[in-house]
Amino acid sequence: MPSAPVRIGLVGAGTMANTHAEALARDGRAAIAGVTDPLAPAGETFAARWGGAATTDLEGLLGLGLDAVFVTSPNARHVEPCVRALAAGLHVFCEKPMATSLGEAAQVLEAVRASGRVYQIGFNRRHAPAYRAAKRAIADGRVEPRWGHVKMNRGELLEPAWVGDESLTGGFLYESTIHMLDLLRWLLGEVVDVRGHGARTVYPQVDDVAVLLRFEGGVTTTLCSSAHATWLFPYERIELYGAHAALVTEELDRVSATVGPRAPAVVEDFSLLDRLVKSGYVEEDTAFLDAVLGERAPSPDAEDAYRAVEVVEACYRAVATGEVVALPPSE
């Protein structure tokens, strides 16, 4: 236990700020020192609930004697607070995505490398028990994936209102779908190339995408994502196929694996877990505090964050051009 808690400031006072504040409140090593939000009432409500000072600008937040910043603002507003916090010598936890363009992601990556500070990206599903169980099934050789299919359905682009604004999201693939693309990298390795199709079906932006992804290890998967489906369970699902074997996830609730043409499935059910534990937020924030205190490396880190943006941009280019888009090899 450190002699003094890690002083945390949050950029943005919305849903994700409150989610992380609740997770951090369970860890005695952290204290909320402040929050900034352009909407003063939102910041004041957050501060009244979780403690700390409420400010309406980043400068005010950075002047509160912080150790670390959580960036929980809309997608397109992640770059400036991350870069400025790193330059001020603070550790940074950034909700996904790192940025909504590859150029801006490179800017953040360079700032991380120059600062020597901890940077962790908010891919909470890597910390969710269900997906960790899937990772173990692959790592221990129970299922050796060769082919697969992934789906991520966002039910709508209506709530909250900003998720329908491409200038704030970068496009709907930067919303929930980027989690699935990151999970595929985590489970299967680096993406070699992408091809795909898309459509504007309900909304003015591209809201349906189907892509084919090839991975360095030889695995190929399809990914289908819709921004106007429904929230019918399971709205996210991974199916990976091996030699007479399969591994299937159902959101954050269940993982099923079968090995053998007619073997019974082994099912791990996480549906009754505490919401923040099941979603990975508690372990995610624990991991960040561990990294800040020098107990382990941040994961997923800035390199993971950058590669995820790279894959999303490749998907959009493949959809726009109809061409096969190759990704740079991993370093």
Foldseek 3Di string as FASTA:
>chain_A
DDPAAAEEEEEDQDDVVVLLLVLVVVPPRYAHAAYEDCPQVSRVVSCVVRNHYYDHDLVVRLPRPGQEYEYDFFAQPQQVSLLVCLVSLHAYEYEDFNHLALVSLVVSVVSCVVRVHFYAYRLLQVQAPALVVVLVCCVVPVFPFAEKEKEAEAAAQPPPVCSLPCSRQSDNCRPPVLSVVLSCCVRPNAWFKKAWAFDDDPHPDTFWIWMWTAHPVNHIYIYTYGRNHRVPWQNIKMWTHHDLKIWIDTHLFKIWIDHHVPGDIDMDGPNPPDPCNSSRSNVQVVQSVCVSVVNDHHPPGSVSSSSSSVVVVSRVVNRVPVDMGGDDDDD
